[in-house]
N, C-alpha and C. Protein backbone atom coordinates (compact mmCIF):
# COMPACT_ATOMS: atom_id res chain seq x y z
N MET A 1 99.43 90.47 141.73
CA MET A 1 99.48 91.48 140.70
C MET A 1 100.87 91.44 140.05
N PRO A 2 100.93 91.42 138.69
CA PRO A 2 102.23 91.38 138.02
C PRO A 2 103.03 92.65 138.29
N SER A 3 104.34 92.48 138.32
CA SER A 3 105.22 93.62 138.54
C SER A 3 105.28 94.48 137.28
N PRO A 4 105.68 95.75 137.42
CA PRO A 4 105.82 96.60 136.24
C PRO A 4 106.80 96.02 135.21
N ALA A 5 107.85 95.36 135.67
CA ALA A 5 108.81 94.75 134.75
C ALA A 5 108.14 93.65 133.94
N THR A 6 107.30 92.84 134.58
CA THR A 6 106.59 91.78 133.89
C THR A 6 105.63 92.38 132.86
N ASN A 7 104.95 93.46 133.23
CA ASN A 7 104.05 94.12 132.29
C ASN A 7 104.82 94.64 131.08
N SER A 8 105.99 95.22 131.32
CA SER A 8 106.80 95.74 130.23
C SER A 8 107.25 94.60 129.31
N GLU A 9 107.70 93.50 129.89
CA GLU A 9 108.13 92.36 129.09
C GLU A 9 106.99 91.84 128.24
N ALA A 10 105.83 91.68 128.85
CA ALA A 10 104.67 91.16 128.12
C ALA A 10 104.27 92.10 126.98
N ARG A 11 104.49 93.37 127.15
CA ARG A 11 104.13 94.34 126.13
C ARG A 11 105.20 94.46 125.04
N PHE A 12 106.46 94.53 125.44
CA PHE A 12 107.51 94.87 124.49
C PHE A 12 108.16 93.68 123.78
N GLU A 13 108.23 92.52 124.42
CA GLU A 13 108.85 91.37 123.77
C GLU A 13 108.16 90.98 122.47
N PRO A 14 106.83 90.92 122.41
CA PRO A 14 106.20 90.60 121.13
C PRO A 14 106.47 91.66 120.05
N LEU A 15 106.57 92.91 120.46
CA LEU A 15 106.86 93.96 119.49
C LEU A 15 108.26 93.80 118.90
N LEU A 16 109.23 93.55 119.77
CA LEU A 16 110.60 93.34 119.29
C LEU A 16 110.70 92.08 118.43
N GLY A 17 109.98 91.04 118.82
CA GLY A 17 109.97 89.81 118.03
C GLY A 17 109.39 90.03 116.65
N ALA A 18 108.28 90.76 116.58
CA ALA A 18 107.66 91.05 115.29
C ALA A 18 108.59 91.89 114.42
N ALA A 19 109.28 92.84 115.03
CA ALA A 19 110.22 93.66 114.28
C ALA A 19 111.37 92.81 113.74
N ALA A 20 111.87 91.88 114.54
CA ALA A 20 112.95 91.00 114.10
C ALA A 20 112.50 90.15 112.92
N VAL A 21 111.28 89.61 112.98
CA VAL A 21 110.77 88.81 111.87
C VAL A 21 110.64 89.67 110.62
N HIS A 22 110.14 90.87 110.79
CA HIS A 22 109.93 91.78 109.67
C HIS A 22 111.26 92.11 108.97
N LEU A 23 112.31 92.28 109.75
CA LEU A 23 113.61 92.69 109.21
C LEU A 23 114.57 91.52 108.98
N TRP A 24 114.12 90.31 109.21
CA TRP A 24 115.00 89.13 109.23
C TRP A 24 115.97 89.08 108.06
N ALA A 25 115.48 89.23 106.84
CA ALA A 25 116.34 89.08 105.66
C ALA A 25 117.40 90.17 105.57
N GLU A 26 117.19 91.28 106.26
CA GLU A 26 118.16 92.38 106.24
C GLU A 26 119.23 92.24 107.31
N LEU A 27 119.03 91.34 108.24
CA LEU A 27 119.98 91.18 109.35
C LEU A 27 121.20 90.40 108.89
N PRO A 28 122.37 90.73 109.42
CA PRO A 28 123.57 89.93 109.12
C PRO A 28 123.38 88.48 109.58
N ALA A 29 124.01 87.57 108.88
CA ALA A 29 123.87 86.14 109.19
C ALA A 29 124.19 85.85 110.66
N ALA A 30 125.21 86.47 111.21
CA ALA A 30 125.58 86.22 112.61
C ALA A 30 124.45 86.63 113.56
N VAL A 31 123.78 87.71 113.26
CA VAL A 31 122.66 88.16 114.10
C VAL A 31 121.48 87.20 113.92
N GLN A 32 121.20 86.78 112.69
CA GLN A 32 120.14 85.80 112.45
C GLN A 32 120.39 84.53 113.27
N GLU A 33 121.62 84.05 113.21
CA GLU A 33 121.97 82.82 113.92
C GLU A 33 121.76 82.95 115.42
N LYS A 34 122.20 84.07 115.97
CA LYS A 34 122.08 84.28 117.40
C LYS A 34 120.62 84.38 117.82
N LEU A 35 119.83 85.15 117.08
CA LEU A 35 118.40 85.27 117.38
C LEU A 35 117.70 83.92 117.26
N PHE A 36 118.03 83.18 116.22
CA PHE A 36 117.44 81.86 115.99
C PHE A 36 117.70 80.93 117.18
N GLU A 37 118.95 80.86 117.59
CA GLU A 37 119.31 79.97 118.71
C GLU A 37 118.64 80.40 120.01
N HIS A 38 118.60 81.69 120.27
CA HIS A 38 117.93 82.17 121.48
C HIS A 38 116.45 81.84 121.44
N ALA A 39 115.83 81.98 120.28
CA ALA A 39 114.41 81.65 120.16
C ALA A 39 114.16 80.17 120.44
N VAL A 40 115.04 79.31 119.95
CA VAL A 40 114.89 77.87 120.19
C VAL A 40 115.02 77.57 121.69
N VAL A 41 116.02 78.16 122.33
CA VAL A 41 116.22 77.94 123.77
C VAL A 41 115.01 78.43 124.56
N ILE A 42 114.56 79.63 124.26
CA ILE A 42 113.39 80.19 124.96
C ILE A 42 112.16 79.33 124.70
N GLY A 43 111.99 78.91 123.45
CA GLY A 43 110.84 78.08 123.10
C GLY A 43 110.84 76.74 123.82
N HIS A 44 112.00 76.16 124.02
CA HIS A 44 112.07 74.87 124.72
C HIS A 44 111.78 75.01 126.21
N ARG A 45 111.84 76.22 126.74
CA ARG A 45 111.45 76.43 128.14
C ARG A 45 109.95 76.32 128.31
N THR A 46 109.20 76.66 127.24
CA THR A 46 107.74 76.71 127.35
C THR A 46 107.05 75.56 126.65
N GLU A 47 107.77 74.78 125.86
CA GLU A 47 107.16 73.64 125.19
C GLU A 47 108.18 72.54 125.02
N ALA A 48 107.68 71.31 124.96
CA ALA A 48 108.57 70.16 124.87
C ALA A 48 108.70 69.65 123.44
N ASP A 49 108.20 70.38 122.47
CA ASP A 49 108.21 69.96 121.08
C ASP A 49 109.62 70.00 120.52
N GLU A 50 110.19 68.85 120.22
CA GLU A 50 111.56 68.78 119.73
C GLU A 50 111.68 69.23 118.27
N SER A 51 110.56 69.41 117.58
CA SER A 51 110.62 69.86 116.20
C SER A 51 110.59 71.39 116.11
N LEU A 52 110.70 72.06 117.24
CA LEU A 52 110.65 73.53 117.26
C LEU A 52 111.69 74.14 116.34
N ARG A 53 112.91 73.64 116.37
CA ARG A 53 114.00 74.18 115.54
C ARG A 53 113.60 74.13 114.06
N GLU A 54 113.12 72.99 113.62
CA GLU A 54 112.73 72.84 112.22
C GLU A 54 111.53 73.73 111.88
N GLN A 55 110.55 73.78 112.76
CA GLN A 55 109.36 74.60 112.52
C GLN A 55 109.73 76.08 112.42
N LEU A 56 110.62 76.53 113.28
CA LEU A 56 111.05 77.93 113.25
C LEU A 56 111.81 78.22 111.96
N ALA A 57 112.67 77.32 111.54
CA ALA A 57 113.42 77.50 110.29
C ALA A 57 112.47 77.59 109.10
N VAL A 58 111.45 76.73 109.07
CA VAL A 58 110.46 76.76 107.98
C VAL A 58 109.69 78.07 108.01
N PHE A 59 109.28 78.48 109.21
CA PHE A 59 108.56 79.75 109.37
C PHE A 59 109.36 80.91 108.76
N LEU A 60 110.63 81.00 109.10
CA LEU A 60 111.48 82.08 108.60
C LEU A 60 111.71 81.96 107.09
N HIS A 61 111.97 80.75 106.64
CA HIS A 61 112.24 80.54 105.22
C HIS A 61 111.01 80.88 104.37
N ASP A 62 109.82 80.51 104.85
CA ASP A 62 108.59 80.79 104.11
C ASP A 62 108.34 82.29 103.97
N ARG A 63 108.79 83.06 104.93
CA ARG A 63 108.55 84.50 104.89
C ARG A 63 109.68 85.29 104.24
N HIS A 64 110.86 84.70 104.22
CA HIS A 64 112.04 85.38 103.68
C HIS A 64 112.80 84.41 102.81
N LYS A 65 112.52 84.45 101.55
CA LYS A 65 113.11 83.49 100.60
C LYS A 65 114.63 83.56 100.57
N ARG A 66 115.21 84.70 100.99
CA ARG A 66 116.67 84.81 101.02
C ARG A 66 117.28 84.02 102.16
N THR A 67 116.48 83.63 103.15
CA THR A 67 117.00 82.86 104.28
C THR A 67 117.28 81.44 103.78
N GLN A 68 118.52 81.03 103.87
CA GLN A 68 118.90 79.69 103.46
C GLN A 68 119.09 78.84 104.71
N GLN A 69 118.57 77.63 104.66
CA GLN A 69 118.68 76.75 105.81
C GLN A 69 119.89 75.84 105.67
N THR A 70 120.42 75.43 106.82
CA THR A 70 121.48 74.43 106.83
C THR A 70 120.83 73.07 106.89
N GLU A 71 121.64 72.04 106.83
CA GLU A 71 121.11 70.69 106.88
C GLU A 71 120.40 70.38 108.19
N ASN A 72 120.69 71.11 109.26
CA ASN A 72 120.07 70.86 110.56
C ASN A 72 118.92 71.81 110.85
N GLY A 73 118.53 72.62 109.90
CA GLY A 73 117.36 73.45 110.08
C GLY A 73 117.63 74.86 110.55
N GLY A 74 118.89 75.21 110.81
CA GLY A 74 119.20 76.57 111.28
C GLY A 74 119.27 77.52 110.11
N PRO A 75 119.36 78.80 110.38
CA PRO A 75 119.46 79.77 109.31
C PRO A 75 120.83 79.70 108.63
N ARG A 76 120.94 80.38 107.51
CA ARG A 76 122.17 80.35 106.71
C ARG A 76 123.41 80.64 107.55
N GLY A 77 124.49 80.02 107.15
CA GLY A 77 125.76 80.32 107.78
C GLY A 77 125.95 79.70 109.15
N SER A 78 125.05 78.81 109.56
CA SER A 78 125.17 78.20 110.87
C SER A 78 126.38 77.31 110.93
N ARG A 79 127.03 77.29 112.07
CA ARG A 79 128.22 76.46 112.24
C ARG A 79 127.87 74.99 112.38
N HIS A 80 126.85 74.68 113.18
CA HIS A 80 126.49 73.29 113.47
C HIS A 80 125.04 73.04 113.12
N GLY A 81 124.47 73.80 112.24
CA GLY A 81 123.05 73.74 112.02
C GLY A 81 122.37 74.53 113.10
N ALA A 82 123.16 75.11 113.93
CA ALA A 82 122.67 75.93 115.02
C ALA A 82 123.47 77.22 114.94
N ALA A 83 122.89 78.24 115.45
CA ALA A 83 123.59 79.50 115.33
C ALA A 83 124.36 79.82 116.57
């Protein structure tokens, strides 16, 4: 049986993620970069797809035209194409 903490994570993480996507264009660039990088790291734990970074950048850009990508696929203002 899953622990209460696991149940809370399963319930609340998607809600927070959806809220972050909804507000993405309003977030400061530094926050966008940090969220983007954490999403890539978390995503690589569950899948081996090396194009995840690019796919995530396209996903965000398609929904928020103000999001500018760097040459490496990260959100605007990235230092190394990564946040």
